[in-house]
Amino acid sequence: MDTGQKTPHANPGAPETPRLCTDLIIEVGAGLVVLIERKNTPNGWALPGGFVDVGETVEEAALREAKEETGLDVELVRQFHVYSDPKRDPRGHTASVVWVAHARGKPRAGSDAGNVGLYHQMNLPETISFDHRQILTDYFQERY
């Protein structure tokens, strides 16, 4: 499937691949997780996360994105699952390594987060971006 997304390669002739992302399910206690309200399209609430930069590991990217978007220093507890449906991001094919993380403190919106909130599985926002509702459903149902 051609998404129109072109990925630059250092090696001409290398295969075109999905862009690598990382997302975090940040637990803050009492069954609450941190979600950000996106400033940019696609709009809606989302798990903190973003693209992995060249030269960084997915773990480093997860820690960086958590700090940039929520102001929280997190501890990565475990890798949750990899989500790679070609339709998961309307901007193009991505694959995301999702982490479960712990944090203490009060999150604050930063970088591309317009707002930040704490949510329980029983009060999730109506509009959730990407495939993050499915990720949260899998997490709350302890699927992985």
N, C-alpha and C. Protein backbone atom coordinates (compact mmCIF):
# COMPACT_ATOMS: atom_id res chain seq x y z
N MET A 1 0.84 -1.17 0.00
CA MET A 1 0.00 0.00 0.00
C MET A 1 0.88 1.24 0.00
N ASP A 2 0.70 2.13 -0.92
CA ASP A 2 1.48 3.36 -1.00
C ASP A 2 0.77 4.45 -0.22
N THR A 3 1.41 4.91 0.86
CA THR A 3 0.81 5.96 1.68
C THR A 3 1.25 7.35 1.23
N GLY A 4 2.15 7.40 0.26
CA GLY A 4 2.67 8.69 -0.18
C GLY A 4 3.79 9.19 0.70
N GLN A 5 4.08 8.47 1.78
CA GLN A 5 5.14 8.87 2.71
C GLN A 5 6.47 8.40 2.16
N LYS A 6 7.43 9.30 2.08
CA LYS A 6 8.75 8.96 1.60
C LYS A 6 9.73 9.08 2.76
N THR A 7 10.47 8.01 3.00
CA THR A 7 11.43 7.99 4.09
C THR A 7 12.83 8.10 3.49
N PRO A 8 13.62 9.10 3.89
CA PRO A 8 14.97 9.23 3.35
C PRO A 8 15.85 8.10 3.86
N HIS A 9 16.69 7.61 2.99
CA HIS A 9 17.60 6.53 3.35
C HIS A 9 19.03 6.94 3.06
N ALA A 10 19.93 6.57 3.94
CA ALA A 10 21.34 6.82 3.71
C ALA A 10 21.85 5.92 2.58
N ASN A 11 21.15 4.83 2.36
CA ASN A 11 21.55 3.85 1.36
C ASN A 11 20.51 3.82 0.24
N PRO A 12 20.79 4.50 -0.89
CA PRO A 12 19.82 4.45 -1.99
C PRO A 12 19.56 3.00 -2.38
N GLY A 13 18.34 2.70 -2.64
CA GLY A 13 17.97 1.33 -2.97
C GLY A 13 17.53 0.53 -1.76
N ALA A 14 17.71 1.10 -0.56
CA ALA A 14 17.24 0.43 0.65
C ALA A 14 15.72 0.42 0.63
N PRO A 15 15.10 -0.57 1.25
CA PRO A 15 13.63 -0.63 1.22
C PRO A 15 13.00 0.52 1.98
N GLU A 16 11.83 0.96 1.52
CA GLU A 16 11.07 1.98 2.23
C GLU A 16 10.36 1.28 3.38
N THR A 17 10.47 1.83 4.57
CA THR A 17 9.91 1.17 5.75
C THR A 17 9.04 2.15 6.53
N PRO A 18 8.19 1.63 7.44
CA PRO A 18 7.40 2.52 8.30
C PRO A 18 8.31 3.36 9.19
N ARG A 19 7.81 4.52 9.60
CA ARG A 19 8.54 5.36 10.54
C ARG A 19 8.38 4.77 11.94
N LEU A 20 9.45 4.77 12.71
CA LEU A 20 9.46 4.18 14.04
C LEU A 20 9.05 5.20 15.10
N CYS A 21 8.12 4.81 15.94
CA CYS A 21 7.61 5.65 17.02
C CYS A 21 7.71 4.91 18.34
N THR A 22 7.48 5.64 19.40
CA THR A 22 7.32 5.05 20.71
C THR A 22 6.22 5.80 21.44
N ASP A 23 5.41 5.07 22.20
CA ASP A 23 4.33 5.64 22.99
C ASP A 23 4.42 5.08 24.39
N LEU A 24 3.87 5.82 25.36
CA LEU A 24 3.97 5.40 26.75
C LEU A 24 2.62 5.39 27.44
N ILE A 25 2.39 4.33 28.18
CA ILE A 25 1.28 4.25 29.12
C ILE A 25 1.91 4.58 30.47
N ILE A 26 1.74 5.82 30.90
CA ILE A 26 2.39 6.29 32.13
C ILE A 26 1.40 6.12 33.28
N GLU A 27 1.72 5.21 34.18
CA GLU A 27 0.90 4.95 35.36
C GLU A 27 1.32 5.92 36.47
N VAL A 28 0.31 6.53 37.12
CA VAL A 28 0.61 7.46 38.21
C VAL A 28 -0.09 7.05 39.50
N GLY A 29 -0.64 5.84 39.53
CA GLY A 29 -1.31 5.34 40.72
C GLY A 29 -2.81 5.43 40.63
N ALA A 30 -3.49 4.66 41.47
CA ALA A 30 -4.96 4.64 41.57
C ALA A 30 -5.63 4.29 40.24
N GLY A 31 -4.94 3.52 39.39
CA GLY A 31 -5.51 3.13 38.11
C GLY A 31 -5.52 4.23 37.07
N LEU A 32 -4.80 5.33 37.32
CA LEU A 32 -4.79 6.47 36.41
C LEU A 32 -3.59 6.42 35.48
N VAL A 33 -3.83 6.86 34.23
CA VAL A 33 -2.76 6.99 33.25
C VAL A 33 -2.78 8.42 32.69
N VAL A 34 -1.65 8.84 32.17
CA VAL A 34 -1.48 10.19 31.63
C VAL A 34 -1.82 10.19 30.14
N LEU A 35 -2.68 11.13 29.75
CA LEU A 35 -2.94 11.38 28.33
C LEU A 35 -2.68 12.85 28.05
N ILE A 36 -2.28 13.12 26.80
CA ILE A 36 -2.09 14.51 26.38
C ILE A 36 -3.15 14.86 25.35
N GLU A 37 -3.55 16.12 25.35
CA GLU A 37 -4.42 16.61 24.29
C GLU A 37 -3.52 17.27 23.25
N ARG A 38 -3.57 16.75 22.03
CA ARG A 38 -2.66 17.19 20.98
C ARG A 38 -2.97 18.59 20.49
N LYS A 39 -1.91 19.39 20.28
CA LYS A 39 -2.05 20.72 19.68
C LYS A 39 -2.18 20.60 18.16
N ASN A 40 -1.54 19.59 17.60
CA ASN A 40 -1.44 19.43 16.15
C ASN A 40 -2.35 18.31 15.66
N THR A 41 -2.61 18.32 14.36
CA THR A 41 -3.40 17.24 13.77
C THR A 41 -2.55 15.98 13.71
N PRO A 42 -3.14 14.84 13.88
CA PRO A 42 -4.55 14.63 14.21
C PRO A 42 -4.85 15.05 15.65
N ASN A 43 -5.97 15.76 15.79
CA ASN A 43 -6.36 16.28 17.10
C ASN A 43 -6.97 15.19 17.95
N GLY A 44 -7.12 15.49 19.22
CA GLY A 44 -7.68 14.55 20.18
C GLY A 44 -6.69 14.25 21.28
N TRP A 45 -7.07 13.36 22.14
CA TRP A 45 -6.22 12.92 23.25
C TRP A 45 -5.38 11.75 22.78
N ALA A 46 -4.20 11.62 23.37
CA ALA A 46 -3.28 10.56 22.95
C ALA A 46 -2.36 10.18 24.10
N LEU A 47 -1.77 9.03 23.96
CA LEU A 47 -0.68 8.65 24.85
C LEU A 47 0.51 9.54 24.54
N PRO A 48 1.31 9.89 25.53
CA PRO A 48 2.54 10.62 25.23
C PRO A 48 3.44 9.75 24.35
N GLY A 49 4.11 10.37 23.42
CA GLY A 49 5.01 9.62 22.55
C GLY A 49 5.34 10.39 21.30
N GLY A 50 6.08 9.75 20.40
CA GLY A 50 6.46 10.40 19.16
C GLY A 50 7.49 9.58 18.41
N PHE A 51 8.10 10.24 17.45
CA PHE A 51 9.05 9.57 16.57
C PHE A 51 10.40 9.37 17.26
N VAL A 52 11.04 8.26 16.92
CA VAL A 52 12.39 7.97 17.38
C VAL A 52 13.35 8.72 16.46
N ASP A 53 14.25 9.50 17.05
CA ASP A 53 15.24 10.25 16.27
C ASP A 53 16.37 9.33 15.85
N VAL A 54 16.99 9.64 14.72
CA VAL A 54 18.16 8.91 14.27
C VAL A 54 19.24 9.04 15.35
N GLY A 55 19.84 7.93 15.72
CA GLY A 55 20.90 7.93 16.72
C GLY A 55 20.43 7.69 18.13
N GLU A 56 19.12 7.52 18.35
CA GLU A 56 18.65 7.23 19.70
C GLU A 56 17.92 5.89 19.72
N THR A 57 17.93 5.25 20.87
CA THR A 57 17.21 4.00 21.04
C THR A 57 15.73 4.30 21.29
N VAL A 58 14.90 3.28 21.16
CA VAL A 58 13.48 3.49 21.46
C VAL A 58 13.29 3.83 22.93
N GLU A 59 14.12 3.29 23.80
CA GLU A 59 14.05 3.62 25.23
C GLU A 59 14.38 5.09 25.46
N GLU A 60 15.45 5.57 24.83
CA GLU A 60 15.82 6.98 24.97
C GLU A 60 14.72 7.89 24.42
N ALA A 61 14.13 7.49 23.29
CA ALA A 61 13.05 8.28 22.70
C ALA A 61 11.85 8.33 23.63
N ALA A 62 11.52 7.22 24.27
CA ALA A 62 10.38 7.18 25.19
C ALA A 62 10.61 8.12 26.36
N LEU A 63 11.79 8.07 26.95
CA LEU A 63 12.11 8.96 28.08
C LEU A 63 12.06 10.43 27.65
N ARG A 64 12.61 10.73 26.47
CA ARG A 64 12.62 12.10 25.95
C ARG A 64 11.21 12.60 25.69
N GLU A 65 10.40 11.77 25.01
CA GLU A 65 9.03 12.19 24.68
C GLU A 65 8.19 12.40 25.95
N ALA A 66 8.35 11.52 26.94
CA ALA A 66 7.61 11.68 28.20
C ALA A 66 7.95 13.02 28.84
N LYS A 67 9.23 13.35 28.89
CA LYS A 67 9.67 14.61 29.50
C LYS A 67 9.18 15.81 28.70
N GLU A 68 9.30 15.75 27.36
CA GLU A 68 8.89 16.87 26.51
C GLU A 68 7.39 17.14 26.59
N GLU A 69 6.60 16.08 26.61
CA GLU A 69 5.15 16.26 26.51
C GLU A 69 4.43 16.37 27.84
N THR A 70 5.02 15.82 28.92
CA THR A 70 4.33 15.81 30.21
C THR A 70 5.13 16.45 31.33
N GLY A 71 6.41 16.72 31.10
CA GLY A 71 7.27 17.25 32.15
C GLY A 71 7.69 16.21 33.18
N LEU A 72 7.28 14.96 32.98
CA LEU A 72 7.56 13.91 33.95
C LEU A 72 8.83 13.14 33.61
N ASP A 73 9.59 12.82 34.65
CA ASP A 73 10.66 11.85 34.53
C ASP A 73 10.03 10.50 34.82
N VAL A 74 10.14 9.59 33.88
CA VAL A 74 9.48 8.30 34.03
C VAL A 74 10.49 7.18 34.16
N GLU A 75 10.02 6.08 34.71
CA GLU A 75 10.79 4.85 34.76
C GLU A 75 10.08 3.86 33.85
N LEU A 76 10.80 3.38 32.84
CA LEU A 76 10.22 2.37 31.96
C LEU A 76 10.15 1.05 32.72
N VAL A 77 8.95 0.49 32.82
CA VAL A 77 8.74 -0.75 33.57
C VAL A 77 8.91 -1.95 32.66
N ARG A 78 8.25 -1.89 31.48
CA ARG A 78 8.36 -3.00 30.54
C ARG A 78 7.85 -2.56 29.18
N GLN A 79 8.31 -3.28 28.17
CA GLN A 79 7.75 -3.08 26.84
C GLN A 79 6.38 -3.75 26.83
N PHE A 80 5.39 -3.04 26.35
CA PHE A 80 4.02 -3.54 26.34
C PHE A 80 3.73 -4.34 25.08
N HIS A 81 3.84 -3.71 23.92
CA HIS A 81 3.53 -4.36 22.66
C HIS A 81 4.00 -3.44 21.53
N VAL A 82 4.07 -3.96 20.33
CA VAL A 82 4.36 -3.16 19.14
C VAL A 82 3.08 -3.09 18.32
N TYR A 83 2.69 -1.87 17.95
CA TYR A 83 1.50 -1.64 17.12
C TYR A 83 1.98 -1.15 15.77
N SER A 84 1.53 -1.81 14.70
CA SER A 84 2.09 -1.50 13.37
C SER A 84 1.06 -1.51 12.24
N ASP A 85 -0.21 -1.45 12.57
CA ASP A 85 -1.23 -1.40 11.52
C ASP A 85 -0.91 -0.23 10.59
N PRO A 86 -0.82 -0.46 9.28
CA PRO A 86 -0.49 0.63 8.35
C PRO A 86 -1.45 1.81 8.43
N LYS A 87 -2.64 1.62 8.98
CA LYS A 87 -3.63 2.69 9.07
C LYS A 87 -3.68 3.34 10.45
N ARG A 88 -2.73 3.02 11.34
CA ARG A 88 -2.77 3.52 12.71
C ARG A 88 -2.56 5.03 12.81
N ASP A 89 -1.88 5.61 11.83
CA ASP A 89 -1.59 7.04 11.82
C ASP A 89 -2.00 7.60 10.46
N PRO A 90 -2.92 8.55 10.42
CA PRO A 90 -3.37 9.08 9.12
C PRO A 90 -2.28 9.80 8.34
N ARG A 91 -1.17 10.13 8.98
CA ARG A 91 -0.07 10.84 8.30
C ARG A 91 0.84 9.91 7.53
N GLY A 92 0.70 8.60 7.75
CA GLY A 92 1.54 7.63 7.06
C GLY A 92 1.80 6.42 7.93
N HIS A 93 2.39 5.41 7.34
CA HIS A 93 2.63 4.14 8.03
C HIS A 93 3.70 4.31 9.11
N THR A 94 3.33 3.97 10.34
CA THR A 94 4.25 4.00 11.47
C THR A 94 4.18 2.67 12.22
N ALA A 95 5.21 2.39 12.97
CA ALA A 95 5.22 1.27 13.90
C ALA A 95 5.65 1.84 15.24
N SER A 96 4.90 1.51 16.29
CA SER A 96 5.19 2.08 17.60
C SER A 96 5.50 1.00 18.63
N VAL A 97 6.61 1.20 19.32
CA VAL A 97 6.96 0.37 20.47
C VAL A 97 6.32 1.06 21.67
N VAL A 98 5.39 0.36 22.33
CA VAL A 98 4.65 0.95 23.44
C VAL A 98 5.23 0.43 24.76
N TRP A 99 5.40 1.33 25.70
CA TRP A 99 5.98 1.04 27.00
C TRP A 99 4.97 1.28 28.11
N VAL A 100 5.08 0.51 29.18
CA VAL A 100 4.42 0.82 30.44
C VAL A 100 5.48 1.48 31.30
N ALA A 101 5.12 2.62 31.88
CA ALA A 101 6.07 3.39 32.67
C ALA A 101 5.40 3.87 33.95
N HIS A 102 6.21 4.14 34.96
CA HIS A 102 5.72 4.74 36.21
C HIS A 102 6.27 6.16 36.32
N ALA A 103 5.49 7.02 36.96
CA ALA A 103 5.95 8.38 37.22
C ALA A 103 5.34 8.88 38.51
N ARG A 104 6.02 9.82 39.12
CA ARG A 104 5.52 10.53 40.29
C ARG A 104 5.50 12.01 39.92
N GLY A 105 4.65 12.73 40.61
CA GLY A 105 4.59 14.16 40.36
C GLY A 105 3.38 14.52 39.54
N LYS A 106 3.27 15.81 39.30
CA LYS A 106 2.11 16.33 38.56
C LYS A 106 2.53 16.60 37.12
N PRO A 107 1.85 15.96 36.14
CA PRO A 107 2.20 16.23 34.75
C PRO A 107 1.78 17.64 34.34
N ARG A 108 2.53 18.21 33.40
CA ARG A 108 2.18 19.51 32.84
C ARG A 108 2.39 19.44 31.33
N ALA A 109 1.51 20.07 30.60
CA ALA A 109 1.57 20.04 29.13
C ALA A 109 2.81 20.75 28.63
N GLY A 110 3.45 20.16 27.65
CA GLY A 110 4.62 20.76 27.03
C GLY A 110 4.70 20.34 25.58
N SER A 111 5.67 20.82 24.86
CA SER A 111 5.93 20.52 23.44
C SER A 111 4.63 20.56 22.65
N ASP A 112 4.22 19.46 22.00
CA ASP A 112 3.00 19.51 21.18
C ASP A 112 1.75 19.13 21.95
N ALA A 113 1.81 19.16 23.27
CA ALA A 113 0.64 18.87 24.11
C ALA A 113 -0.06 20.18 24.47
N GLY A 114 -1.33 20.30 24.12
CA GLY A 114 -2.11 21.47 24.49
C GLY A 114 -2.62 21.39 25.90
N ASN A 115 -2.78 20.18 26.39
CA ASN A 115 -3.30 19.94 27.72
C ASN A 115 -2.83 18.55 28.15
N VAL A 116 -2.92 18.28 29.43
CA VAL A 116 -2.55 16.97 29.94
C VAL A 116 -3.59 16.58 30.98
N GLY A 117 -3.91 15.30 31.06
CA GLY A 117 -4.90 14.85 32.02
C GLY A 117 -4.62 13.46 32.52
N LEU A 118 -5.23 13.13 33.65
CA LEU A 118 -5.12 11.80 34.23
C LEU A 118 -6.47 11.11 34.02
N TYR A 119 -6.42 9.90 33.50
CA TYR A 119 -7.65 9.19 33.15
C TYR A 119 -7.63 7.77 33.66
N HIS A 120 -8.83 7.32 34.00
CA HIS A 120 -9.09 5.94 34.42
C HIS A 120 -9.83 5.26 33.26
N GLN A 121 -9.79 3.97 33.21
CA GLN A 121 -10.45 3.27 32.11
C GLN A 121 -11.94 3.58 32.01
N MET A 122 -12.56 4.01 33.10
CA MET A 122 -13.99 4.30 33.10
C MET A 122 -14.31 5.73 32.68
N ASN A 123 -13.29 6.59 32.49
CA ASN A 123 -13.58 7.98 32.12
C ASN A 123 -12.67 8.49 31.01
N LEU A 124 -12.36 7.64 30.05
CA LEU A 124 -11.49 8.05 28.95
C LEU A 124 -12.17 9.13 28.11
N PRO A 125 -11.38 10.03 27.52
CA PRO A 125 -11.97 11.05 26.67
C PRO A 125 -12.66 10.43 25.45
N GLU A 126 -13.60 11.17 24.91
CA GLU A 126 -14.35 10.67 23.75
C GLU A 126 -13.46 10.58 22.51
N THR A 127 -12.67 11.62 22.25
CA THR A 127 -11.83 11.65 21.05
C THR A 127 -10.39 11.27 21.41
N ILE A 128 -9.98 10.10 20.95
CA ILE A 128 -8.62 9.62 21.18
C ILE A 128 -7.98 9.37 19.81
N SER A 129 -6.79 9.93 19.61
CA SER A 129 -6.10 9.88 18.33
C SER A 129 -5.45 8.53 18.06
N PHE A 130 -5.14 8.35 16.78
CA PHE A 130 -4.39 7.19 16.30
C PHE A 130 -5.13 5.91 16.71
N ASP A 131 -4.37 4.90 17.10
CA ASP A 131 -4.95 3.64 17.59
C ASP A 131 -4.83 3.56 19.11
N HIS A 132 -4.73 4.72 19.76
CA HIS A 132 -4.46 4.74 21.20
C HIS A 132 -5.63 4.23 22.04
N ARG A 133 -6.86 4.31 21.54
CA ARG A 133 -7.98 3.71 22.28
C ARG A 133 -7.79 2.19 22.33
N GLN A 134 -7.36 1.59 21.21
CA GLN A 134 -7.12 0.15 21.19
C GLN A 134 -5.97 -0.22 22.12
N ILE A 135 -4.92 0.58 22.13
CA ILE A 135 -3.79 0.33 23.03
C ILE A 135 -4.26 0.36 24.48
N LEU A 136 -5.05 1.38 24.83
CA LEU A 136 -5.56 1.49 26.20
C LEU A 136 -6.50 0.34 26.54
N THR A 137 -7.33 -0.06 25.61
CA THR A 137 -8.22 -1.22 25.85
C THR A 137 -7.38 -2.46 26.12
N ASP A 138 -6.37 -2.68 25.29
CA ASP A 138 -5.49 -3.84 25.50
C ASP A 138 -4.81 -3.78 26.87
N TYR A 139 -4.36 -2.60 27.25
CA TYR A 139 -3.70 -2.41 28.54
C TYR A 139 -4.64 -2.69 29.69
N PHE A 140 -5.82 -2.06 29.67
CA PHE A 140 -6.76 -2.24 30.79
C PHE A 140 -7.29 -3.67 30.86
N GLN A 141 -7.33 -4.38 29.73
CA GLN A 141 -7.77 -5.78 29.72
C GLN A 141 -6.59 -6.74 29.92
N GLU A 142 -5.41 -6.16 30.18
CA GLU A 142 -4.17 -6.94 30.38
C GLU A 142 -3.97 -7.95 29.26
N ARG A 143 -4.13 -7.45 28.03
CA ARG A 143 -4.03 -8.33 26.86
C ARG A 143 -2.61 -8.78 26.61
N TYR A 144 -1.62 -7.91 26.85
CA TYR A 144 -0.24 -8.28 26.56
C TYR A 144 0.57 -8.29 27.84
